C-alpha atoms as a PDB file:
ATOM      1  CA  UNK A   1     -33.734 -39.086  -0.944  1.00  0.00           C
ATOM      2  CA  UNK A   2     -33.032 -42.459   0.914  1.00  0.00           C
ATOM      3  CA  UNK A   3     -31.557 -45.464  -1.330  1.00  0.00           C
ATOM      4  CA  UNK A   4     -28.722 -45.962  -3.131  1.00  0.00           C
ATOM      5  CA  UNK A   5     -27.836 -46.647  -7.089  1.00  0.00           C
ATOM      6  CA  UNK A   6     -26.299 -49.142  -8.424  1.00  0.00           C
ATOM      7  CA  UNK A   7     -26.280 -51.700 -11.847  1.00  0.00           C
ATOM      8  CA  UNK A   8     -26.291 -49.504 -14.806  1.00  0.00           C
ATOM      9  CA  UNK A   9     -29.102 -49.972 -16.717  1.00  0.00           C
ATOM     10  CA  UNK A  10     -31.274 -48.679 -13.243  1.00  0.00           C
ATOM     11  CA  UNK A  11     -28.792 -46.049 -11.729  1.00  0.00           C
ATOM     12  CA  UNK A  12     -31.316 -43.170 -12.130  1.00  0.00           C
ATOM     13  CA  UNK A  13     -33.229 -44.849  -9.748  1.00  0.00           C
ATOM     14  CA  UNK A  14     -32.975 -45.169  -5.960  1.00  0.00           C
ATOM     15  CA  UNK A  15     -33.335 -48.648  -4.738  1.00  0.00           C
ATOM     16  CA  UNK A  16     -32.636 -50.279  -1.375  1.00  0.00           C
ATOM     17  CA  UNK A  17     -31.268 -53.362  -0.234  1.00  0.00           C
ATOM     18  CA  UNK A  18     -33.339 -56.259   0.370  1.00  0.00           C
ATOM     19  CA  UNK A  19     -32.123 -59.226  -1.314  1.00  0.00           C
ATOM     20  CA  UNK A  20     -29.210 -61.569  -1.234  1.00  0.00           C
ATOM     21  CA  UNK A  21     -28.039 -60.300  -4.871  1.00  0.00           C
ATOM     22  CA  UNK A  22     -26.633 -62.143  -7.098  1.00  0.00           C
ATOM     23  CA  UNK A  23     -28.665 -65.369  -6.821  1.00  0.00           C
ATOM     24  CA  UNK A  24     -26.937 -68.670  -7.620  1.00  0.00           C
ATOM     25  CA  UNK A  25     -27.107 -69.825 -11.470  1.00  0.00           C
ATOM     26  CA  UNK A  26     -27.094 -73.847 -11.137  1.00  0.00           C
ATOM     27  CA  UNK A  27     -26.975 -76.570 -13.834  1.00  0.00           C
ATOM     28  CA  UNK A  28     -29.437 -79.018 -13.712  1.00  0.00           C
ATOM     29  CA  UNK A  29     -27.310 -81.756 -15.060  1.00  0.00           C
ATOM     30  CA  UNK A  30     -29.194 -85.030 -13.584  1.00  0.00           C
ATOM     31  CA  UNK A  31     -32.377 -83.647 -14.891  1.00  0.00           C
ATOM     32  CA  UNK A  32     -30.736 -82.806 -18.292  1.00  0.00           C
ATOM     33  CA  UNK A  33     -29.413 -86.333 -18.583  1.00  0.00           C
ATOM     34  CA  UNK A  34     -33.277 -87.923 -17.387  1.00  0.00           C
ATOM     35  CA  UNK A  35     -34.867 -86.004 -20.199  1.00  0.00           C
ATOM     36  CA  UNK A  36     -31.975 -86.443 -23.197  1.00  0.00           C
ATOM     37  CA  UNK A  37     -31.725 -82.913 -23.429  1.00  0.00           C
ATOM     38  CA  UNK A  38     -31.684 -79.542 -23.742  1.00  0.00           C
ATOM     39  CA  UNK A  39     -29.078 -78.618 -21.009  1.00  0.00           C
ATOM     40  CA  UNK A  40     -31.324 -77.098 -18.210  1.00  0.00           C
ATOM     41  CA  UNK A  41     -30.317 -74.705 -15.824  1.00  0.00           C
ATOM     42  CA  UNK A  42     -31.624 -72.456 -13.251  1.00  0.00           C
ATOM     43  CA  UNK A  43     -31.646 -69.276 -12.259  1.00  0.00           C
ATOM     44  CA  UNK A  44     -32.375 -69.097  -7.601  1.00  0.00           C
ATOM     45  CA  UNK A  45     -34.961 -66.163  -6.943  1.00  0.00           C
ATOM     46  CA  UNK A  46     -36.486 -68.307  -4.654  1.00  0.00           C
ATOM     47  CA  UNK A  47     -32.984 -67.840  -2.618  1.00  0.00           C
ATOM     48  CA  UNK A  48     -33.390 -63.685  -2.627  1.00  0.00           C
ATOM     49  CA  UNK A  49     -33.810 -63.986   0.643  1.00  0.00           C
ATOM     50  CA  UNK A  50     -36.765 -62.022   2.221  1.00  0.00           C
ATOM     51  CA  UNK A  51     -38.754 -64.576   4.249  1.00  0.00           C
ATOM     52  CA  UNK A  52     -38.403 -67.178   2.222  1.00  0.00           C
ATOM     53  CA  UNK A  53     -37.625 -64.916  -0.842  1.00  0.00           C
ATOM     54  CA  UNK A  54     -38.898 -65.095  -4.522  1.00  0.00           C
ATOM     55  CA  UNK A  55     -38.925 -62.507  -7.578  1.00  0.00           C
ATOM     56  CA  UNK A  56     -41.159 -59.668  -5.618  1.00  0.00           C
ATOM     57  CA  UNK A  57     -37.767 -58.828  -3.638  1.00  0.00           C
ATOM     58  CA  UNK A  58     -36.148 -57.335  -6.725  1.00  0.00           C
ATOM     59  CA  UNK A  59     -39.003 -55.317  -7.334  1.00  0.00           C
ATOM     60  CA  UNK A  60     -39.519 -54.062  -3.769  1.00  0.00           C
ATOM     61  CA  UNK A  61     -35.760 -52.600  -3.581  1.00  0.00           C
ATOM     62  CA  UNK A  62     -37.242 -50.032  -6.316  1.00  0.00           C
ATOM     63  CA  UNK A  63     -40.832 -49.567  -4.437  1.00  0.00           C
ATOM     64  CA  UNK A  64     -39.526 -49.430  -0.867  1.00  0.00           C
ATOM     65  CA  UNK A  65     -36.918 -46.751  -2.238  1.00  0.00           C
ATOM     66  CA  UNK A  66     -39.894 -44.663  -3.465  1.00  0.00           C
ATOM     67  CA  UNK A  67     -42.058 -45.416  -0.258  1.00  0.00           C
ATOM     68  CA  UNK A  68     -39.147 -44.110   1.912  1.00  0.00           C
ATOM     69  CA  UNK A  69     -38.722 -40.932  -0.304  1.00  0.00           C
ATOM     70  CA  UNK A  70     -42.560 -39.860   0.062  1.00  0.00           C
ATOM     71  CA  UNK A  71     -41.809 -40.178   3.824  1.00  0.00           C
ATOM     72  CA  UNK A  72     -44.561 -43.436   4.081  1.00  0.00           C
ATOM     73  CA  UNK A  73     -45.325 -44.973   7.332  1.00  0.00           C
ATOM     74  CA  UNK A  74     -47.459 -47.676   5.795  1.00  0.00           C
ATOM     75  CA  UNK A  75     -47.021 -50.226   2.967  1.00  0.00           C
ATOM     76  CA  UNK A  76     -50.216 -51.515   1.630  1.00  0.00           C
ATOM     77  CA  UNK A  77     -50.638 -53.848  -1.599  1.00  0.00           C
ATOM     78  CA  UNK A  78     -53.211 -56.412  -2.779  1.00  0.00           C
ATOM     79  CA  UNK A  79     -53.401 -60.067  -3.533  1.00  0.00           C
ATOM     80  CA  UNK A  80     -54.850 -63.764  -3.471  1.00  0.00           C
ATOM     81  CA  UNK A  81     -55.033 -65.236   0.157  1.00  0.00           C
ATOM     82  CA  UNK A  82     -51.456 -67.270  -0.855  1.00  0.00           C
ATOM     83  CA  UNK A  83     -49.763 -64.087  -2.116  1.00  0.00           C
ATOM     84  CA  UNK A  84     -46.600 -64.331  -1.951  1.00  0.00           C
ATOM     85  CA  UNK A  85     -45.705 -60.739  -3.197  1.00  0.00           C
ATOM     86  CA  UNK A  86     -48.241 -60.036  -0.419  1.00  0.00           C
ATOM     87  CA  UNK A  87     -45.901 -61.446   1.796  1.00  0.00           C
ATOM     88  CA  UNK A  88     -42.796 -60.385   0.846  1.00  0.00           C
ATOM     89  CA  UNK A  89     -44.206 -56.781   0.944  1.00  0.00           C
ATOM     90  CA  UNK A  90     -45.090 -57.671   4.293  1.00  0.00           C
ATOM     91  CA  UNK A  91     -41.345 -58.365   5.469  1.00  0.00           C
ATOM     92  CA  UNK A  92     -40.003 -55.513   3.631  1.00  0.00           C
ATOM     93  CA  UNK A  93     -42.339 -52.949   5.579  1.00  0.00           C
ATOM     94  CA  UNK A  94     -41.147 -55.113   8.995  1.00  0.00           C
ATOM     95  CA  UNK A  95     -37.663 -54.140   7.759  1.00  0.00           C
ATOM     96  CA  UNK A  96     -37.703 -50.760   7.056  1.00  0.00           C
ATOM     97  CA  UNK A  97     -39.505 -50.063  10.403  1.00  0.00           C
ATOM     98  CA  UNK A  98     -43.360 -49.645   8.058  1.00  0.00           C
ATOM     99  CA  UNK A  99     -46.630 -51.207   8.996  1.00  0.00           C
ATOM    100  CA  UNK A 100     -48.459 -53.040   6.568  1.00  0.00           C
ATOM    101  CA  UNK A 101     -51.609 -53.549   5.103  1.00  0.00           C
ATOM    102  CA  UNK A 102     -52.601 -56.269   3.096  1.00  0.00           C
ATOM    103  CA  UNK A 103     -56.073 -56.481   1.083  1.00  0.00           C
ATOM    104  CA  UNK A 104     -56.393 -60.148   0.125  1.00  0.00           C
ATOM    105  CA  UNK A 105     -59.079 -61.664  -2.051  1.00  0.00           C
ATOM    106  CA  UNK A 106     -62.186 -63.734  -0.766  1.00  0.00           C
ATOM    107  CA  UNK A 107     -62.625 -64.443   2.631  1.00  0.00           C
ATOM    108  CA  UNK A 108     -60.608 -65.782   6.005  1.00  0.00           C
ATOM    109  CA  UNK A 109     -60.263 -69.459   5.651  1.00  0.00           C
ATOM    110  CA  UNK A 110     -60.630 -71.026   9.298  1.00  0.00           C
ATOM    111  CA  UNK A 111     -56.578 -72.109   9.653  1.00  0.00           C
ATOM    112  CA  UNK A 112     -53.859 -69.699   8.509  1.00  0.00           C
ATOM    113  CA  UNK A 113     -51.114 -71.447   6.138  1.00  0.00           C
ATOM    114  CA  UNK A 114     -48.731 -70.971   3.820  1.00  0.00           C
ATOM    115  CA  UNK A 115     -48.271 -67.069   2.793  1.00  0.00           C
ATOM    116  CA  UNK A 116     -51.082 -66.599   5.395  1.00  0.00           C
ATOM    117  CA  UNK A 117     -49.629 -67.844   8.343  1.00  0.00           C
ATOM    118  CA  UNK A 118     -46.128 -66.053   7.663  1.00  0.00           C
ATOM    119  CA  UNK A 119     -48.304 -62.654   6.856  1.00  0.00           C
ATOM    120  CA  UNK A 120     -49.857 -63.073  10.178  1.00  0.00           C
ATOM    121  CA  UNK A 121     -46.437 -63.869  11.936  1.00  0.00           C
ATOM    122  CA  UNK A 122     -44.517 -60.350  10.281  1.00  0.00           C
ATOM    123  CA  UNK A 123     -47.194 -58.691  12.019  1.00  0.00           C
ATOM    124  CA  UNK A 124     -48.984 -57.397   8.602  1.00  0.00           C
ATOM    125  CA  UNK A 125     -52.997 -55.981   9.443  1.00  0.00           C
ATOM    126  CA  UNK A 126     -54.982 -58.622   6.359  1.00  0.00           C
ATOM    127  CA  UNK A 127     -58.273 -56.980   4.839  1.00  0.00           C
ATOM    128  CA  UNK A 128     -60.519 -59.202   3.429  1.00  0.00           C
ATOM    129  CA  UNK A 129     -61.975 -57.943   0.271  1.00  0.00           C
ATOM    130  CA  UNK A 130     -64.116 -60.953  -0.673  1.00  0.00           C
ATOM    131  CA  UNK A 131     -65.637 -60.572  -3.999  1.00  0.00           C
ATOM    132  CA  UNK A 132     -64.530 -56.801  -4.374  1.00  0.00           C
ATOM    133  CA  UNK A 133     -62.384 -56.062  -6.952  1.00  0.00           C
ATOM    134  CA  UNK A 134     -59.129 -55.833  -5.403  1.00  0.00           C
ATOM    135  CA  UNK A 135     -57.404 -52.605  -6.414  1.00  0.00           C
ATOM    136  CA  UNK A 136     -60.517 -50.896  -5.714  1.00  0.00           C
ATOM    137  CA  UNK A 137     -60.951 -52.278  -2.165  1.00  0.00           C
ATOM    138  CA  UNK A 138     -57.073 -51.516  -1.547  1.00  0.00           C
ATOM    139  CA  UNK A 139     -57.172 -47.847  -2.876  1.00  0.00           C
ATOM    140  CA  UNK A 140     -60.293 -46.980  -0.939  1.00  0.00           C
ATOM    141  CA  UNK A 141     -58.294 -48.731   2.302  1.00  0.00           C
ATOM    142  CA  UNK A 142     -55.414 -46.280   1.458  1.00  0.00           C
ATOM    143  CA  UNK A 143     -57.741 -43.498   1.739  1.00  0.00           C
ATOM    144  CA  UNK A 144     -59.111 -44.834   5.075  1.00  0.00           C
ATOM    145  CA  UNK A 145     -55.479 -44.905   6.374  1.00  0.00           C
ATOM    146  CA  UNK A 146     -55.117 -41.362   5.092  1.00  0.00           C
ATOM    147  CA  UNK A 147     -58.297 -40.206   6.836  1.00  0.00           C
ATOM    148  CA  UNK A 148     -56.976 -41.344  10.025  1.00  0.00           C
ATOM    149  CA  UNK A 149     -53.325 -39.086   9.280  1.00  0.00           C
ATOM    150  CA  UNK A 150     -51.359 -41.930   7.790  1.00  0.00           C
ATOM    151  CA  UNK A 151     -49.298 -41.873   4.848  1.00  0.00           C
ATOM    152  CA  UNK A 152     -49.709 -45.024   3.117  1.00  0.00           C
ATOM    153  CA  UNK A 153     -47.743 -45.876  -0.280  1.00  0.00           C
ATOM    154  CA  UNK A 154     -49.622 -48.518  -2.865  1.00  0.00           C
ATOM    155  CA  UNK A 155     -47.544 -51.093  -3.883  1.00  0.00           C
ATOM    156  CA  UNK A 156     -49.301 -52.180  -7.057  1.00  0.00           C
ATOM    157  CA  UNK A 157     -50.739 -55.831  -7.684  1.00  0.00           C
ATOM    158  CA  UNK A 158     -47.886 -58.043  -7.962  1.00  0.00           C
ATOM    159  CA  UNK A 159     -45.307 -55.112  -7.505  1.00  0.00           C
ATOM    160  CA  UNK A 160     -45.433 -54.355 -11.388  1.00  0.00           C
ATOM    161  CA  UNK A 161     -45.206 -50.702 -12.409  1.00  0.00           C
ATOM    162  CA  UNK A 162     -42.194 -49.853 -13.959  1.00  0.00           C
ATOM    163  CA  UNK A 163     -40.207 -49.351 -11.145  1.00  0.00           C
ATOM    164  CA  UNK A 164     -41.114 -52.976  -9.839  1.00  0.00           C
ATOM    165  CA  UNK A 165     -40.326 -53.885 -13.267  1.00  0.00           C
ATOM    166  CA  UNK A 166     -37.227 -52.204 -13.093  1.00  0.00           C
ATOM    167  CA  UNK A 167     -35.987 -55.063 -10.880  1.00  0.00           C
ATOM    168  CA  UNK A 168     -35.889 -57.217 -13.219  1.00  0.00           C
ATOM    169  CA  UNK A 169     -34.159 -55.303 -15.806  1.00  0.00           C
ATOM    170  CA  UNK A 170     -31.509 -55.230 -13.385  1.00  0.00           C
ATOM    171  CA  UNK A 171     -32.084 -59.110 -12.999  1.00  0.00           C
ATOM    172  CA  UNK A 172     -30.856 -59.895 -16.806  1.00  0.00           C
ATOM    173  CA  UNK A 173     -27.876 -57.309 -16.272  1.00  0.00           C
ATOM    174  CA  UNK A 174     -26.795 -59.814 -13.273  1.00  0.00           C
ATOM    175  CA  UNK A 175     -27.953 -62.655 -15.066  1.00  0.00           C
ATOM    176  CA  UNK A 176     -25.359 -61.228 -18.203  1.00  0.00           C
ATOM    177  CA  UNK A 177     -22.642 -60.585 -16.171  1.00  0.00           C
ATOM    178  CA  UNK A 178     -22.747 -64.004 -14.480  1.00  0.00           C
ATOM    179  CA  UNK A 179     -22.703 -65.633 -17.726  1.00  0.00           C
ATOM    180  CA  UNK A 180     -19.541 -63.865 -19.249  1.00  0.00           C
ATOM    181  CA  UNK A 181     -18.180 -65.228 -15.841  1.00  0.00           C
ATOM    182  CA  UNK A 182     -19.228 -68.652 -16.636  1.00  0.00           C
ATOM    183  CA  UNK A 183     -18.544 -68.539 -20.132  1.00  0.00           C
ATOM    184  CA  UNK A 184     -21.968 -69.760 -20.826  1.00  0.00           C
ATOM    185  CA  UNK A 185     -25.098 -68.634 -22.819  1.00  0.00           C
ATOM    186  CA  UNK A 186     -28.768 -69.400 -22.976  1.00  0.00           C
ATOM    187  CA  UNK A 187     -30.686 -69.806 -26.252  1.00  0.00           C
ATOM    188  CA  UNK A 188     -34.101 -69.735 -23.727  1.00  0.00           C
ATOM    189  CA  UNK A 189     -35.029 -68.095 -20.551  1.00  0.00           C
ATOM    190  CA  UNK A 190     -38.502 -69.430 -19.262  1.00  0.00           C
ATOM    191  CA  UNK A 191     -40.301 -68.556 -16.520  1.00  0.00           C
ATOM    192  CA  UNK A 192     -43.621 -68.104 -14.965  1.00  0.00           C
ATOM    193  CA  UNK A 193     -45.370 -64.846 -15.729  1.00  0.00           C
ATOM    194  CA  UNK A 194     -48.813 -63.449 -14.733  1.00  0.00           C
ATOM    195  CA  UNK A 195     -49.058 -59.661 -13.501  1.00  0.00           C
ATOM    196  CA  UNK A 196     -45.833 -59.074 -16.076  1.00  0.00           C
ATOM    197  CA  UNK A 197     -43.461 -57.317 -14.224  1.00  0.00           C
ATOM    198  CA  UNK A 198     -40.901 -59.838 -14.129  1.00  0.00           C
ATOM    199  CA  UNK A 199     -41.371 -60.463 -17.784  1.00  0.00           C
ATOM    200  CA  UNK A 200     -41.168 -57.227 -18.727  1.00  0.00           C
ATOM    201  CA  UNK A 201     -38.257 -56.183 -17.185  1.00  0.00           C
ATOM    202  CA  UNK A 202     -36.449 -59.005 -18.285  1.00  0.00           C
ATOM    203  CA  UNK A 203     -37.503 -57.810 -22.419  1.00  0.00           C
ATOM    204  CA  UNK A 204     -36.407 -54.394 -21.387  1.00  0.00           C
ATOM    205  CA  UNK A 205     -32.540 -55.773 -19.970  1.00  0.00           C
ATOM    206  CA  UNK A 206     -32.726 -58.031 -22.744  1.00  0.00           C
ATOM    207  CA  UNK A 207     -32.820 -55.841 -25.308  1.00  0.00           C
ATOM    208  CA  UNK A 208     -30.887 -52.856 -23.834  1.00  0.00           C
ATOM    209  CA  UNK A 209     -28.145 -55.150 -23.656  1.00  0.00           C
ATOM    210  CA  UNK A 210     -27.779 -57.112 -26.619  1.00  0.00           C
ATOM    211  CA  UNK A 211     -29.276 -60.629 -25.665  1.00  0.00           C
ATOM    212  CA  UNK A 212     -30.574 -62.239 -28.416  1.00  0.00           C
ATOM    213  CA  UNK A 213     -32.014 -65.704 -27.068  1.00  0.00           C
ATOM    214  CA  UNK A 214     -35.709 -66.146 -26.480  1.00  0.00           C
ATOM    215  CA  UNK A 215     -37.693 -65.301 -23.164  1.00  0.00           C
ATOM    216  CA  UNK A 216     -40.953 -67.526 -22.758  1.00  0.00           C
ATOM    217  CA  UNK A 217     -43.375 -66.417 -20.325  1.00  0.00           C
ATOM    218  CA  UNK A 218     -45.553 -69.856 -19.248  1.00  0.00           C
ATOM    219  CA  UNK A 219     -49.135 -67.611 -18.222  1.00  0.00           C
ATOM    220  CA  UNK A 220     -50.692 -68.946 -14.683  1.00  0.00           C
ATOM    221  CA  UNK A 221     -53.582 -66.808 -15.054  1.00  0.00           C
ATOM    222  CA  UNK A 222     -54.495 -64.366 -18.203  1.00  0.00           C
ATOM    223  CA  UNK A 223     -54.747 -65.657 -21.626  1.00  0.00           C
ATOM    224  CA  UNK A 224     -51.953 -65.013 -23.983  1.00  0.00           C
ATOM    225  CA  UNK A 225     -53.378 -62.083 -25.942  1.00  0.00           C
ATOM    226  CA  UNK A 226     -53.765 -60.175 -22.728  1.00  0.00           C
ATOM    227  CA  UNK A 227     -50.660 -60.873 -21.001  1.00  0.00           C
ATOM    228  CA  UNK A 228     -48.850 -59.837 -24.131  1.00  0.00           C
ATOM    229  CA  UNK A 229     -50.365 -56.291 -24.372  1.00  0.00           C
ATOM    230  CA  UNK A 230     -49.893 -55.807 -20.798  1.00  0.00           C
ATOM    231  CA  UNK A 231     -46.356 -56.520 -20.983  1.00  0.00           C
ATOM    232  CA  UNK A 232     -46.199 -54.103 -23.694  1.00  0.00           C
ATOM    233  CA  UNK A 233     -46.938 -51.559 -21.946  1.00  0.00           C
ATOM    234  CA  UNK A 234     -45.374 -52.392 -18.808  1.00  0.00           C
ATOM    235  CA  UNK A 235     -42.217 -52.599 -20.744  1.00  0.00           C
ATOM    236  CA  UNK A 236     -42.244 -49.374 -22.807  1.00  0.00           C
ATOM    237  CA  UNK A 237     -43.241 -47.544 -19.578  1.00  0.00           C
ATOM    238  CA  UNK A 238     -40.073 -48.953 -17.799  1.00  0.00           C
ATOM    239  CA  UNK A 239     -37.987 -48.258 -20.244  1.00  0.00           C
ATOM    240  CA  UNK A 240     -39.275 -44.838 -20.517  1.00  0.00           C
ATOM    241  CA  UNK A 241     -39.002 -44.547 -16.739  1.00  0.00           C
ATOM    242  CA  UNK A 242     -35.097 -45.628 -17.236  1.00  0.00           C
ATOM    243  CA  UNK A 243     -34.581 -43.529 -19.949  1.00  0.00           C
ATOM    244  CA  UNK A 244     -33.467 -45.722 -22.642  1.00  0.00           C
ATOM    245  CA  UNK A 245     -35.729 -45.181 -25.807  1.00  0.00           C
ATOM    246  CA  UNK A 246     -37.011 -48.567 -26.236  1.00  0.00           C
ATOM    247  CA  UNK A 247     -40.295 -49.144 -27.762  1.00  0.00           C
ATOM    248  CA  UNK A 248     -42.318 -52.888 -27.225  1.00  0.00           C
ATOM    249  CA  UNK A 249     -45.123 -54.143 -29.233  1.00  0.00           C
ATOM    250  CA  UNK A 250     -47.278 -56.950 -27.964  1.00  0.00           C
ATOM    251  CA  UNK A 251     -45.693 -59.613 -31.038  1.00  0.00           C
ATOM    252  CA  UNK A 252     -42.516 -59.124 -29.156  1.00  0.00           C
ATOM    253  CA  UNK A 253     -43.583 -61.166 -26.129  1.00  0.00           C
ATOM    254  CA  UNK A 254     -43.404 -64.851 -26.048  1.00  0.00           C
ATOM    255  CA  UNK A 255     -46.011 -66.221 -24.209  1.00  0.00           C
ATOM    256  CA  UNK A 256     -47.808 -69.866 -23.384  1.00  0.00           C
ATOM    257  CA  UNK A 257     -51.296 -70.320 -22.470  1.00  0.00           C
ATOM    258  CA  UNK A 258     -51.945 -74.039 -23.216  1.00  0.00           C
ATOM    259  CA  UNK A 259     -51.023 -74.776 -19.451  1.00  0.00           C
ATOM    260  CA  UNK A 260     -53.342 -72.712 -17.488  1.00  0.00           C
ATOM    261  CA  UNK A 261     -55.080 -75.989 -16.858  1.00  0.00           C
ATOM    262  CA  UNK A 262     -58.115 -75.610 -14.597  1.00  0.00           C
ATOM    263  CA  UNK A 263     -57.559 -71.701 -13.942  1.00  0.00           C
ATOM    264  CA  UNK A 264     -55.408 -70.037 -11.355  1.00  0.00           C
ATOM    265  CA  UNK A 265     -54.472 -72.030  -8.130  1.00  0.00           C
ATOM    266  CA  UNK A 266     -56.175 -75.070  -9.469  1.00  0.00           C
ATOM    267  CA  UNK A 267     -53.708 -77.465  -9.135  1.00  0.00           C
ATOM    268  CA  UNK A 268     -53.484 -80.702 -11.249  1.00  0.00           C
ATOM    269  CA  UNK A 269     -51.134 -83.307 -12.778  1.00  0.00           C
ATOM    270  CA  UNK A 270     -49.218 -81.105 -14.095  1.00  0.00           C
ATOM    271  CA  UNK A 271     -47.918 -78.825 -11.395  1.00  0.00           C
ATOM    272  CA  UNK A 272     -47.698 -82.467  -9.419  1.00  0.00           C
ATOM    273  CA  UNK A 273     -45.603 -83.875 -11.559  1.00  0.00           C
ATOM    274  CA  UNK A 274     -43.126 -80.752 -11.969  1.00  0.00           C
ATOM    275  CA  UNK A 275     -42.852 -80.442  -8.447  1.00  0.00           C
ATOM    276  CA  UNK A 276     -42.283 -83.830  -7.877  1.00  0.00           C
ATOM    277  CA  UNK A 277     -39.812 -84.172 -11.309  1.00  0.00           C
ATOM    278  CA  UNK A 278     -37.421 -81.168 -10.179  1.00  0.00           C
ATOM    279  CA  UNK A 279     -37.404 -82.070  -6.627  1.00  0.00           C
ATOM    280  CA  UNK A 280     -36.447 -85.917  -7.195  1.00  0.00           C
ATOM    281  CA  UNK A 281     -33.545 -84.601  -9.713  1.00  0.00           C
ATOM    282  CA  UNK A 282     -32.479 -82.298  -7.972  1.00  0.00           C
ATOM    283  CA  UNK A 283     -33.590 -81.376  -4.515  1.00  0.00           C
ATOM    284  CA  UNK A 284     -35.169 -78.067  -5.729  1.00  0.00           C
ATOM    285  CA  UNK A 285     -38.700 -77.128  -4.616  1.00  0.00           C
ATOM    286  CA  UNK A 286     -41.556 -75.248  -6.937  1.00  0.00           C
ATOM    287  CA  UNK A 287     -44.556 -73.998  -5.728  1.00  0.00           C
ATOM    288  CA  UNK A 288     -48.089 -75.098  -7.120  1.00  0.00           C
ATOM    289  CA  UNK A 289     -49.448 -71.482  -8.494  1.00  0.00           C
ATOM    290  CA  UNK A 290     -46.471 -69.856 -10.201  1.00  0.00           C
ATOM    291  CA  UNK A 291     -43.138 -72.130 -10.585  1.00  0.00           C
ATOM    292  CA  UNK A 292     -45.058 -75.425 -10.637  1.00  0.00           C
ATOM    293  CA  UNK A 293     -46.786 -74.898 -13.657  1.00  0.00           C
ATOM    294  CA  UNK A 294     -44.352 -72.598 -15.265  1.00  0.00           C
ATOM    295  CA  UNK A 295     -41.676 -76.076 -14.841  1.00  0.00           C
ATOM    296  CA  UNK A 296     -44.647 -78.076 -16.168  1.00  0.00           C
ATOM    297  CA  UNK A 297     -45.311 -75.723 -19.007  1.00  0.00           C
ATOM    298  CA  UNK A 298     -41.124 -76.326 -19.684  1.00  0.00           C
ATOM    299  CA  UNK A 299     -41.529 -79.889 -19.405  1.00  0.00           C
ATOM    300  CA  UNK A 300     -45.017 -79.519 -21.703  1.00  0.00           C
ATOM    301  CA  UNK A 301     -42.428 -77.246 -24.308  1.00  0.00           C
ATOM    302  CA  UNK A 302     -39.440 -80.226 -24.218  1.00  0.00           C
ATOM    303  CA  UNK A 303     -42.118 -83.040 -24.911  1.00  0.00           C
ATOM    304  CA  UNK A 304     -42.903 -80.845 -27.930  1.00  0.00           C
ATOM    305  CA  UNK A 305     -39.483 -80.256 -29.105  1.00  0.00           C
ATOM    306  CA  UNK A 306     -39.907 -76.418 -29.124  1.00  0.00           C
ATOM    307  CA  UNK A 307     -35.774 -77.094 -27.733  1.00  0.00           C
ATOM    308  CA  UNK A 308     -33.102 -78.737 -29.730  1.00  0.00           C
ATOM    309  CA  UNK A 309     -31.269 -81.330 -27.493  1.00  0.00           C
ATOM    310  CA  UNK A 310     -27.674 -79.179 -27.446  1.00  0.00           C
ATOM    311  CA  UNK A 311     -29.451 -75.890 -26.764  1.00  0.00           C
ATOM    312  CA  UNK A 312     -29.285 -74.618 -23.017  1.00  0.00           C
ATOM    313  CA  UNK A 313     -32.375 -73.659 -20.797  1.00  0.00           C
ATOM    314  CA  UNK A 314     -32.559 -71.535 -18.329  1.00  0.00           C
ATOM    315  CA  UNK A 315     -35.311 -71.878 -16.045  1.00  0.00           C
ATOM    316  CA  UNK A 316     -35.912 -68.597 -13.966  1.00  0.00           C
ATOM    317  CA  UNK A 317     -36.918 -69.412 -10.240  1.00  0.00           C
ATOM    318  CA  UNK A 318     -39.322 -66.665  -9.194  1.00  0.00           C
ATOM    319  CA  UNK A 319     -40.088 -68.537  -5.778  1.00  0.00           C
ATOM    320  CA  UNK A 320     -42.812 -69.317  -3.798  1.00  0.00           C
ATOM    321  CA  UNK A 321     -42.200 -72.244  -1.292  1.00  0.00           C
ATOM    322  CA  UNK A 322     -44.313 -71.123   1.264  1.00  0.00           C
ATOM    323  CA  UNK A 323     -47.428 -72.104  -0.941  1.00  0.00           C
ATOM    324  CA  UNK A 324     -46.187 -75.794  -0.898  1.00  0.00           C
ATOM    325  CA  UNK A 325     -48.486 -75.817   2.531  1.00  0.00           C
ATOM    326  CA  UNK A 326     -50.594 -73.529   1.778  1.00  0.00           C
ATOM    327  CA  UNK A 327     -51.903 -75.982  -0.873  1.00  0.00           C
ATOM    328  CA  UNK A 328     -50.754 -79.341   0.663  1.00  0.00           C
ATOM    329  CA  UNK A 329     -53.940 -81.252   0.341  1.00  0.00           C
ATOM    330  CA  UNK A 330     -54.042 -80.367  -3.143  1.00  0.00           C
ATOM    331  CA  UNK A 331     -50.345 -82.247  -3.676  1.00  0.00           C
ATOM    332  CA  UNK A 332     -51.264 -85.247  -2.142  1.00  0.00           C
END
C-alpha cells in the first residue's frame, strides 16, 4: 500500500501529500467594514498549491492514493472545457508519474485559454465528448485504454465520491483546529456547491466534530432539491466509508439556488460585481463560474439580512483562478 494516514477522522484511509496544507484562514477586515457587518473571514483553498490550487487538491490526495494502490498508470476524469478539477487531476498525474486523459464537454475551441491551456501544458490528452454524456464517454475511453494494456483509474466527475469527499472531512478538522488556535468561532460557512463532494465532506466533519454553525452551499448548477439529495447520499456514504456511523437526509443541507442566473458558466452582473468587490476591497481574486457566483450569493444573503451584523461568517474559497482568463471576454 502507498500513502500515509493523518487526521483523526480519516485515519483509516490512505492519503498522499499533494496540497500546501493547512491553507490560510484570514479575516476580511476592509470588506466587513465596507458592508457594515457581518464579520467576514475567508478560508484560502485557492492556495492549495497544485497548478494554481483549488479544492479538488484535497480530494485528489485520497483519490490518487487509491489509484497508486491499484497500480494505475493513467488518471482519467471528465468535466467542462474550463474544468478546475480536470486541471488539478492532470497536475496530480504528473506529480506521481502517471499519464492523464481528460474527457471534456463540447468541441475543441479555436484557442486554448485558462484551464484548458494549463491542461495542455501539463501534457494531458484531451478527448472532446461533443454532446455525448460525459460519464458514458469517459467510461468508454477507459475501456479503450484497458484494451491497449493500460491501467486507467477513473476519477469521478468533480472528484465527488466518498473517497474524494473525505478530503473535506479532513478539511473541517483542519479548520476547527485553526479556530481553536486563534480563538474564533464561525456562525456560518458559505461555499460554492456543484458536484457535492466539498459540502458533503464538510457536513460529515462538522457533525462528527460537533460544529454547530450553518454550512450554506450556493449552488452553481443543480437546483436545490436535486443537490440536497446528492449531498445526503454522498455524506452518508462518506461517513460509512470512514466508519463514523452517521446518516444524512436532504433536509440536513442548506442549499441556495436563487443565484443561478442564466445557468452554469453563464457570467452575469452578479458574478462580475462579486469578483470586483472582493478584488478591490481585499486583493483576493475569484473565478467567474464557482467562487464568483458563490460570493455573489453571499453578498445577496447579506443584503437580505440573512446574518446578524455581529455574526462571524466564513467564505470557503474553492479556487478556480485560471477561469478568469478562460472567460475574460465576459468579464469586461
